[in-house]
Amino acid sequence: RVCDLQILQGVSGEAMENLTKTCRLLFPLDGSSWMPCTADPRCLAERLAQEVFEFHAKGFAFDPKRSGAEWWVQIRDSGH
């Protein structure tokens, strides 16, 4: 299944710049983050993680207290 990230459609240049800044700040930490499915996203990166979780969890039973999305960033300046 392919997740079409609707959240990115119509996102302003400023929002994308903020997403890039967030990714560049998080990348050196060399770890992952957890987005609980019941939490309110604090930034666009968390909103993306939440949307991907919702896409993959749709139609399945899960425990909301223990479910969410693990997410991380990768910066690839070379285009790979």
PDB file of N, CA and C in Angstrom:
ATOM      1  N   ARG A   1       0.835  -1.182   0.000  1.00  0.00           N
ATOM      2  CA  ARG A   1       0.000   0.000   0.000  1.00  0.00           C
ATOM      3  C   ARG A   1       0.879   1.244   0.000  1.00  0.00           C
ATOM      4  N   VAL A   2       0.445   2.225  -0.714  1.00  0.00           N
ATOM      5  CA  VAL A   2       1.172   3.488  -0.787  1.00  0.00           C
ATOM      6  C   VAL A   2       0.399   4.540  -0.001  1.00  0.00           C
ATOM      7  N   CYS A   3       1.105   5.236   0.861  1.00  0.00           N
ATOM      8  CA  CYS A   3       0.491   6.287   1.670  1.00  0.00           C
ATOM      9  C   CYS A   3       0.706   7.624   0.967  1.00  0.00           C
ATOM     10  N   ASP A   4      -0.368   8.182   0.441  1.00  0.00           N
ATOM     11  CA  ASP A   4      -0.315   9.483  -0.208  1.00  0.00           C
ATOM     12  C   ASP A   4      -0.485  10.535   0.890  1.00  0.00           C
ATOM     13  N   LEU A   5       0.570  11.229   1.228  1.00  0.00           N
ATOM     14  CA  LEU A   5       0.543  12.174   2.337  1.00  0.00           C
ATOM     15  C   LEU A   5      -0.214  13.435   1.952  1.00  0.00           C
ATOM     16  N   GLN A   6      -1.503  13.413   2.199  1.00  0.00           N
ATOM     17  CA  GLN A   6      -2.372  14.546   1.877  1.00  0.00           C
ATOM     18  C   GLN A   6      -1.922  15.809   2.593  1.00  0.00           C
ATOM     19  N   ILE A   7      -1.328  15.645   3.742  1.00  0.00           N
ATOM     20  CA  ILE A   7      -0.931  16.784   4.557  1.00  0.00           C
ATOM     21  C   ILE A   7       0.092  17.669   3.831  1.00  0.00           C
ATOM     22  N   LEU A   8       0.855  17.091   2.911  1.00  0.00           N
ATOM     23  CA  LEU A   8       1.874  17.871   2.200  1.00  0.00           C
ATOM     24  C   LEU A   8       1.300  18.655   1.026  1.00  0.00           C
ATOM     25  N   GLN A   9       0.099  18.303   0.602  1.00  0.00           N
ATOM     26  CA  GLN A   9      -0.513  19.031  -0.501  1.00  0.00           C
ATOM     27  C   GLN A   9      -0.985  20.386   0.000  1.00  0.00           C
ATOM     28  N   GLY A  10      -0.536  21.419  -0.623  1.00  0.00           N
ATOM     29  CA  GLY A  10      -0.929  22.763  -0.228  1.00  0.00           C
ATOM     30  C   GLY A  10      -0.126  23.333   0.924  1.00  0.00           C
ATOM     31  N   VAL A  11       0.931  22.645   1.352  1.00  0.00           N
ATOM     32  CA  VAL A  11       1.767  23.157   2.431  1.00  0.00           C
ATOM     33  C   VAL A  11       2.588  24.320   1.891  1.00  0.00           C
ATOM     34  N   SER A  12       2.621  25.387   2.646  1.00  0.00           N
ATOM     35  CA  SER A  12       3.334  26.588   2.218  1.00  0.00           C
ATOM     36  C   SER A  12       4.843  26.364   2.226  1.00  0.00           C
ATOM     37  N   GLY A  13       5.534  27.220   1.519  1.00  0.00           N
ATOM     38  CA  GLY A  13       6.993  27.165   1.501  1.00  0.00           C
ATOM     39  C   GLY A  13       7.571  27.346   2.892  1.00  0.00           C
ATOM     40  N   GLU A  14       6.937  28.199   3.694  1.00  0.00           N
ATOM     41  CA  GLU A  14       7.404  28.440   5.060  1.00  0.00           C
ATOM     42  C   GLU A  14       7.268  27.171   5.911  1.00  0.00           C
ATOM     43  N   ALA A  15       6.156  26.463   5.749  1.00  0.00           N
ATOM     44  CA  ALA A  15       5.951  25.230   6.505  1.00  0.00           C
ATOM     45  C   ALA A  15       6.994  24.179   6.109  1.00  0.00           C
ATOM     46  N   MET A  16       7.304  24.095   4.823  1.00  0.00           N
ATOM     47  CA  MET A  16       8.317  23.141   4.370  1.00  0.00           C
ATOM     48  C   MET A  16       9.697  23.533   4.886  1.00  0.00           C
ATOM     49  N   GLU A  17       9.967  24.836   4.947  1.00  0.00           N
ATOM     50  CA  GLU A  17      11.239  25.302   5.522  1.00  0.00           C
ATOM     51  C   GLU A  17      11.322  24.912   6.994  1.00  0.00           C
ATOM     52  N   ASN A  18      10.212  25.037   7.717  1.00  0.00           N
ATOM     53  CA  ASN A  18      10.196  24.646   9.125  1.00  0.00           C
ATOM     54  C   ASN A  18      10.390  23.143   9.277  1.00  0.00           C
ATOM     55  N   LEU A  19       9.789  22.361   8.373  1.00  0.00           N
ATOM     56  CA  LEU A  19       9.980  20.915   8.408  1.00  0.00           C
ATOM     57  C   LEU A  19      11.442  20.566   8.166  1.00  0.00           C
ATOM     58  N   THR A  20      12.046  21.224   7.195  1.00  0.00           N
ATOM     59  CA  THR A  20      13.462  20.988   6.904  1.00  0.00           C
ATOM     60  C   THR A  20      14.323  21.355   8.103  1.00  0.00           C
ATOM     61  N   LYS A  21      14.027  22.467   8.738  1.00  0.00           N
ATOM     62  CA  LYS A  21      14.777  22.897   9.918  1.00  0.00           C
ATOM     63  C   LYS A  21      14.629  21.869  11.046  1.00  0.00           C
ATOM     64  N   THR A  22      13.406  21.394  11.264  1.00  0.00           N
ATOM     65  CA  THR A  22      13.165  20.378  12.287  1.00  0.00           C
ATOM     66  C   THR A  22      13.988  19.128  11.998  1.00  0.00           C
ATOM     67  N   CYS A  23      13.990  18.690  10.749  1.00  0.00           N
ATOM     68  CA  CYS A  23      14.739  17.494  10.366  1.00  0.00           C
ATOM     69  C   CYS A  23      16.233  17.690  10.562  1.00  0.00           C
ATOM     70  N   ARG A  24      16.736  18.855  10.205  1.00  0.00           N
ATOM     71  CA  ARG A  24      18.173  19.118  10.361  1.00  0.00           C
ATOM     72  C   ARG A  24      18.573  19.191  11.838  1.00  0.00           C
ATOM     73  N   LEU A  25      17.652  19.619  12.704  1.00  0.00           N
ATOM     74  CA  LEU A  25      17.936  19.641  14.141  1.00  0.00           C
ATOM     75  C   LEU A  25      17.898  18.238  14.743  1.00  0.00           C
ATOM     76  N   LEU A  26      16.990  17.404  14.262  1.00  0.00           N
ATOM     77  CA  LEU A  26      16.825  16.068  14.823  1.00  0.00           C
ATOM     78  C   LEU A  26      17.832  15.048  14.297  1.00  0.00           C
ATOM     79  N   PHE A  27      18.258  15.197  13.063  1.00  0.00           N
ATOM     80  CA  PHE A  27      19.127  14.200  12.437  1.00  0.00           C
ATOM     81  C   PHE A  27      20.393  13.917  13.243  1.00  0.00           C
ATOM     82  N   PRO A  28      21.113  14.945  13.730  1.00  0.00           N
ATOM     83  CA  PRO A  28      22.349  14.667  14.473  1.00  0.00           C
ATOM     84  C   PRO A  28      22.125  13.906  15.787  1.00  0.00           C
ATOM     85  N   LEU A  29      20.902  13.882  16.287  1.00  0.00           N
ATOM     86  CA  LEU A  29      20.630  13.184  17.541  1.00  0.00           C
ATOM     87  C   LEU A  29      20.686  11.673  17.363  1.00  0.00           C
ATOM     88  N   ASP A  30      20.637  11.220  16.100  1.00  0.00           N
ATOM     89  CA  ASP A  30      20.809   9.814  15.743  1.00  0.00           C
ATOM     90  C   ASP A  30      19.901   8.893  16.557  1.00  0.00           C
ATOM     91  N   GLY A  31      18.634   9.205  16.542  1.00  0.00           N
ATOM     92  CA  GLY A  31      17.680   8.369  17.255  1.00  0.00           C
ATOM     93  C   GLY A  31      16.304   8.489  16.633  1.00  0.00           C
ATOM     94  N   SER A  32      15.349   7.894  17.296  1.00  0.00           N
ATOM     95  CA  SER A  32      13.991   7.958  16.789  1.00  0.00           C
ATOM     96  C   SER A  32      13.095   8.655  17.804  1.00  0.00           C
ATOM     97  N   SER A  33      11.925   9.024  17.345  1.00  0.00           N
ATOM     98  CA  SER A  33      10.931   9.678  18.178  1.00  0.00           C
ATOM     99  C   SER A  33       9.670   8.833  18.181  1.00  0.00           C
ATOM    100  N   TRP A  34       8.819   9.048  19.172  1.00  0.00           N
ATOM    101  CA  TRP A  34       7.572   8.301  19.290  1.00  0.00           C
ATOM    102  C   TRP A  34       6.421   9.279  19.248  1.00  0.00           C
ATOM    103  N   MET A  35       5.447   9.012  18.384  1.00  0.00           N
ATOM    104  CA  MET A  35       4.234   9.819  18.277  1.00  0.00           C
ATOM    105  C   MET A  35       3.062   8.960  18.702  1.00  0.00           C
ATOM    106  N   PRO A  36       2.587   9.095  19.968  1.00  0.00           N
ATOM    107  CA  PRO A  36       1.424   8.324  20.396  1.00  0.00           C
ATOM    108  C   PRO A  36       0.219   8.661  19.527  1.00  0.00           C
ATOM    109  N   CYS A  37      -0.589   7.666  19.214  1.00  0.00           N
ATOM    110  CA  CYS A  37      -1.717   7.906  18.309  1.00  0.00           C
ATOM    111  C   CYS A  37      -2.780   8.804  18.941  1.00  0.00           C
ATOM    112  N   THR A  38      -2.750   8.976  20.247  1.00  0.00           N
ATOM    113  CA  THR A  38      -3.745   9.814  20.922  1.00  0.00           C
ATOM    114  C   THR A  38      -3.244  11.231  21.196  1.00  0.00           C
ATOM    115  N   ALA A  39      -1.991  11.507  20.866  1.00  0.00           N
ATOM    116  CA  ALA A  39      -1.393  12.811  21.164  1.00  0.00           C
ATOM    117  C   ALA A  39      -1.664  13.821  20.044  1.00  0.00           C
ATOM    118  N   ASP A  40      -1.617  15.079  20.401  1.00  0.00           N
ATOM    119  CA  ASP A  40      -1.718  16.150  19.416  1.00  0.00           C
ATOM    120  C   ASP A  40      -0.324  16.442  18.873  1.00  0.00           C
ATOM    121  N   PRO A  41      -0.151  16.440  17.558  1.00  0.00           N
ATOM    122  CA  PRO A  41       1.158  16.734  16.975  1.00  0.00           C
ATOM    123  C   PRO A  41       1.610  18.153  17.324  1.00  0.00           C
ATOM    124  N   ARG A  42       2.903  18.288  17.596  1.00  0.00           N
ATOM    125  CA  ARG A  42       3.472  19.594  17.941  1.00  0.00           C
ATOM    126  C   ARG A  42       4.156  20.271  16.759  1.00  0.00           C
ATOM    127  N   CYS A  43       4.352  19.515  15.689  1.00  0.00           N
ATOM    128  CA  CYS A  43       5.034  20.065  14.523  1.00  0.00           C
ATOM    129  C   CYS A  43       4.611  19.262  13.287  1.00  0.00           C
ATOM    130  N   LEU A  44       5.012  19.736  12.118  1.00  0.00           N
ATOM    131  CA  LEU A  44       4.651  19.064  10.869  1.00  0.00           C
ATOM    132  C   LEU A  44       5.223  17.651  10.805  1.00  0.00           C
ATOM    133  N   ALA A  45       6.419  17.446  11.336  1.00  0.00           N
ATOM    134  CA  ALA A  45       7.016  16.108  11.319  1.00  0.00           C
ATOM    135  C   ALA A  45       6.145  15.122  12.103  1.00  0.00           C
ATOM    136  N   GLU A  46       5.631  15.549  13.258  1.00  0.00           N
ATOM    137  CA  GLU A  46       4.751  14.683  14.034  1.00  0.00           C
ATOM    138  C   GLU A  46       3.409  14.487  13.337  1.00  0.00           C
ATOM    139  N   ARG A  47       2.932  15.500  12.644  1.00  0.00           N
ATOM    140  CA  ARG A  47       1.691  15.354  11.880  1.00  0.00           C
ATOM    141  C   ARG A  47       1.862  14.327  10.766  1.00  0.00           C
ATOM    142  N   LEU A  48       3.025  14.329  10.137  1.00  0.00           N
ATOM    143  CA  LEU A  48       3.302  13.341   9.090  1.00  0.00           C
ATOM    144  C   LEU A  48       3.326  11.929   9.685  1.00  0.00           C
ATOM    145  N   ALA A  49       4.006  11.775  10.818  1.00  0.00           N
ATOM    146  CA  ALA A  49       4.067  10.465  11.473  1.00  0.00           C
ATOM    147  C   ALA A  49       2.663   9.987  11.840  1.00  0.00           C
ATOM    148  N   GLN A  50       1.846  10.898  12.347  1.00  0.00           N
ATOM    149  CA  GLN A  50       0.486  10.555  12.718  1.00  0.00           C
ATOM    150  C   GLN A  50      -0.342  10.139  11.498  1.00  0.00           C
ATOM    151  N   GLU A  51      -0.179  10.850  10.398  1.00  0.00           N
ATOM    152  CA  GLU A  51      -0.935  10.512   9.190  1.00  0.00           C
ATOM    153  C   GLU A  51      -0.526   9.148   8.643  1.00  0.00           C
ATOM    154  N   VAL A  52       0.760   8.836   8.690  1.00  0.00           N
ATOM    155  CA  VAL A  52       1.227   7.525   8.227  1.00  0.00           C
ATOM    156  C   VAL A  52       0.660   6.431   9.132  1.00  0.00           C
ATOM    157  N   PHE A  53       0.681   6.663  10.454  1.00  0.00           N
ATOM    158  CA  PHE A  53       0.090   5.685  11.376  1.00  0.00           C
ATOM    159  C   PHE A  53      -1.385   5.463  11.059  1.00  0.00           C
ATOM    160  N   GLU A  54      -2.129   6.546  10.919  1.00  0.00           N
ATOM    161  CA  GLU A  54      -3.572   6.431  10.654  1.00  0.00           C
ATOM    162  C   GLU A  54      -3.845   5.675   9.357  1.00  0.00           C
ATOM    163  N   PHE A  55      -3.020   5.903   8.347  1.00  0.00           N
ATOM    164  CA  PHE A  55      -3.179   5.203   7.072  1.00  0.00           C
ATOM    165  C   PHE A  55      -3.016   3.697   7.264  1.00  0.00           C
ATOM    166  N   HIS A  56      -1.950   3.295   7.974  1.00  0.00           N
ATOM    167  CA  HIS A  56      -1.651   1.875   8.115  1.00  0.00           C
ATOM    168  C   HIS A  56      -2.539   1.190   9.151  1.00  0.00           C
ATOM    169  N   ALA A  57      -3.057   1.933  10.108  1.00  0.00           N
ATOM    170  CA  ALA A  57      -3.893   1.341  11.160  1.00  0.00           C
ATOM    171  C   ALA A  57      -5.372   1.299  10.778  1.00  0.00           C
ATOM    172  N   LYS A  58      -5.737   1.985   9.719  1.00  0.00           N
ATOM    173  CA  LYS A  58      -7.140   2.062   9.318  1.00  0.00           C
ATOM    174  C   LYS A  58      -7.712   0.660   9.080  1.00  0.00           C
ATOM    175  N   GLY A  59      -8.826   0.390   9.765  1.00  0.00           N
ATOM    176  CA  GLY A  59      -9.495  -0.889   9.604  1.00  0.00           C
ATOM    177  C   GLY A  59      -8.985  -1.989  10.518  1.00  0.00           C
ATOM    178  N   PHE A  60      -7.976  -1.700  11.338  1.00  0.00           N
ATOM    179  CA  PHE A  60      -7.418  -2.689  12.246  1.00  0.00           C
ATOM    180  C   PHE A  60      -7.730  -2.312  13.691  1.00  0.00           C
ATOM    181  N   ALA A  61      -7.882  -3.313  14.522  1.00  0.00           N
ATOM    182  CA  ALA A  61      -8.074  -3.066  15.951  1.00  0.00           C
ATOM    183  C   ALA A  61      -6.705  -2.874  16.601  1.00  0.00           C
ATOM    184  N   PHE A  62      -6.594  -1.884  17.464  1.00  0.00           N
ATOM    185  CA  PHE A  62      -5.343  -1.642  18.178  1.00  0.00           C
ATOM    186  C   PHE A  62      -5.661  -0.966  19.508  1.00  0.00           C
ATOM    187  N   ASP A  63      -4.727  -1.054  20.427  1.00  0.00           N
ATOM    188  CA  ASP A  63      -4.873  -0.433  21.734  1.00  0.00           C
ATOM    189  C   ASP A  63      -4.313   0.984  21.654  1.00  0.00           C
ATOM    190  N   PRO A  64      -5.166   2.010  21.688  1.00  0.00           N
ATOM    191  CA  PRO A  64      -4.694   3.386  21.550  1.00  0.00           C
ATOM    192  C   PRO A  64      -3.714   3.817  22.646  1.00  0.00           C
ATOM    193  N   LYS A  65      -3.773   3.168  23.797  1.00  0.00           N
ATOM    194  CA  LYS A  65      -2.862   3.525  24.888  1.00  0.00           C
ATOM    195  C   LYS A  65      -1.432   3.071  24.612  1.00  0.00           C
ATOM    196  N   ARG A  66      -1.297   2.086  23.727  1.00  0.00           N
ATOM    197  CA  ARG A  66       0.023   1.513  23.456  1.00  0.00           C
ATOM    198  C   ARG A  66       0.443   1.664  21.997  1.00  0.00           C
ATOM    199  N   SER A  67      -0.301   2.409  21.225  1.00  0.00           N
ATOM    200  CA  SER A  67      -0.052   2.469  19.776  1.00  0.00           C
ATOM    201  C   SER A  67       0.376   3.859  19.338  1.00  0.00           C
ATOM    202  N   GLY A  68       1.097   3.888  18.251  1.00  0.00           N
ATOM    203  CA  GLY A  68       1.558   5.145  17.681  1.00  0.00           C
ATOM    204  C   GLY A  68       2.579   4.870  16.593  1.00  0.00           C
ATOM    205  N   ALA A  69       3.333   5.877  16.274  1.00  0.00           N
ATOM    206  CA  ALA A  69       4.321   5.762  15.198  1.00  0.00           C
ATOM    207  C   ALA A  69       5.713   6.111  15.704  1.00  0.00           C
ATOM    208  N   GLU A  70       6.648   5.219  15.454  1.00  0.00           N
ATOM    209  CA  GLU A  70       8.047   5.549  15.680  1.00  0.00           C
ATOM    210  C   GLU A  70       8.537   6.209  14.396  1.00  0.00           C
ATOM    211  N   TRP A  71       9.196   7.333  14.535  1.00  0.00           N
ATOM    212  CA  TRP A  71       9.657   8.038  13.344  1.00  0.00           C
ATOM    213  C   TRP A  71      11.042   8.623  13.588  1.00  0.00           C
ATOM    214  N   TRP A  72      11.736   8.858  12.488  1.00  0.00           N
ATOM    215  CA  TRP A  72      13.076   9.435  12.524  1.00  0.00           C
ATOM    216  C   TRP A  72      13.303  10.159  11.218  1.00  0.00           C
ATOM    217  N   VAL A  73      14.378  10.901  11.177  1.00  0.00           N
ATOM    218  CA  VAL A  73      14.693  11.640   9.953  1.00  0.00           C
ATOM    219  C   VAL A  73      16.041  11.182   9.409  1.00  0.00           C
ATOM    220  N   GLN A  74      16.179  11.329   8.118  1.00  0.00           N
ATOM    221  CA  GLN A  74      17.451  11.107   7.436  1.00  0.00           C
ATOM    222  C   GLN A  74      17.690  12.290   6.521  1.00  0.00           C
ATOM    223  N   ILE A  75      18.892  12.801   6.549  1.00  0.00           N
ATOM    224  CA  ILE A  75      19.270  13.907   5.661  1.00  0.00           C
ATOM    225  C   ILE A  75      20.227  13.332   4.626  1.00  0.00           C
ATOM    226  N   ARG A  76      19.876  13.470   3.379  1.00  0.00           N
ATOM    227  CA  ARG A  76      20.706  12.984   2.280  1.00  0.00           C
ATOM    228  C   ARG A  76      20.932  14.126   1.298  1.00  0.00           C
ATOM    229  N   ASP A  77      22.020  14.826   1.481  1.00  0.00           N
ATOM    230  CA  ASP A  77      22.322  15.959   0.598  1.00  0.00           C
ATOM    231  C   ASP A  77      22.745  15.523  -0.793  1.00  0.00           C
ATOM    232  N   SER A  78      23.196  14.273  -0.927  1.00  0.00           N
ATOM    233  CA  SER A  78      23.692  13.804  -2.224  1.00  0.00           C
ATOM    234  C   SER A  78      22.564  13.389  -3.165  1.00  0.00           C
ATOM    235  N   GLY A  79      21.343  13.333  -2.654  1.00  0.00           N
ATOM    236  CA  GLY A  79      20.226  12.934  -3.504  1.00  0.00           C
ATOM    237  C   GLY A  79      19.927  11.451  -3.480  1.00  0.00           C
ATOM    238  N   HIS A  80      20.646  10.689  -2.684  1.00  0.00           N
ATOM    239  CA  HIS A  80      20.405   9.225  -2.595  1.00  0.00           C
ATOM    240  C   HIS A  80      19.514   8.926  -1.436  1.00  0.00           C
TER     241      HIS A  80
END
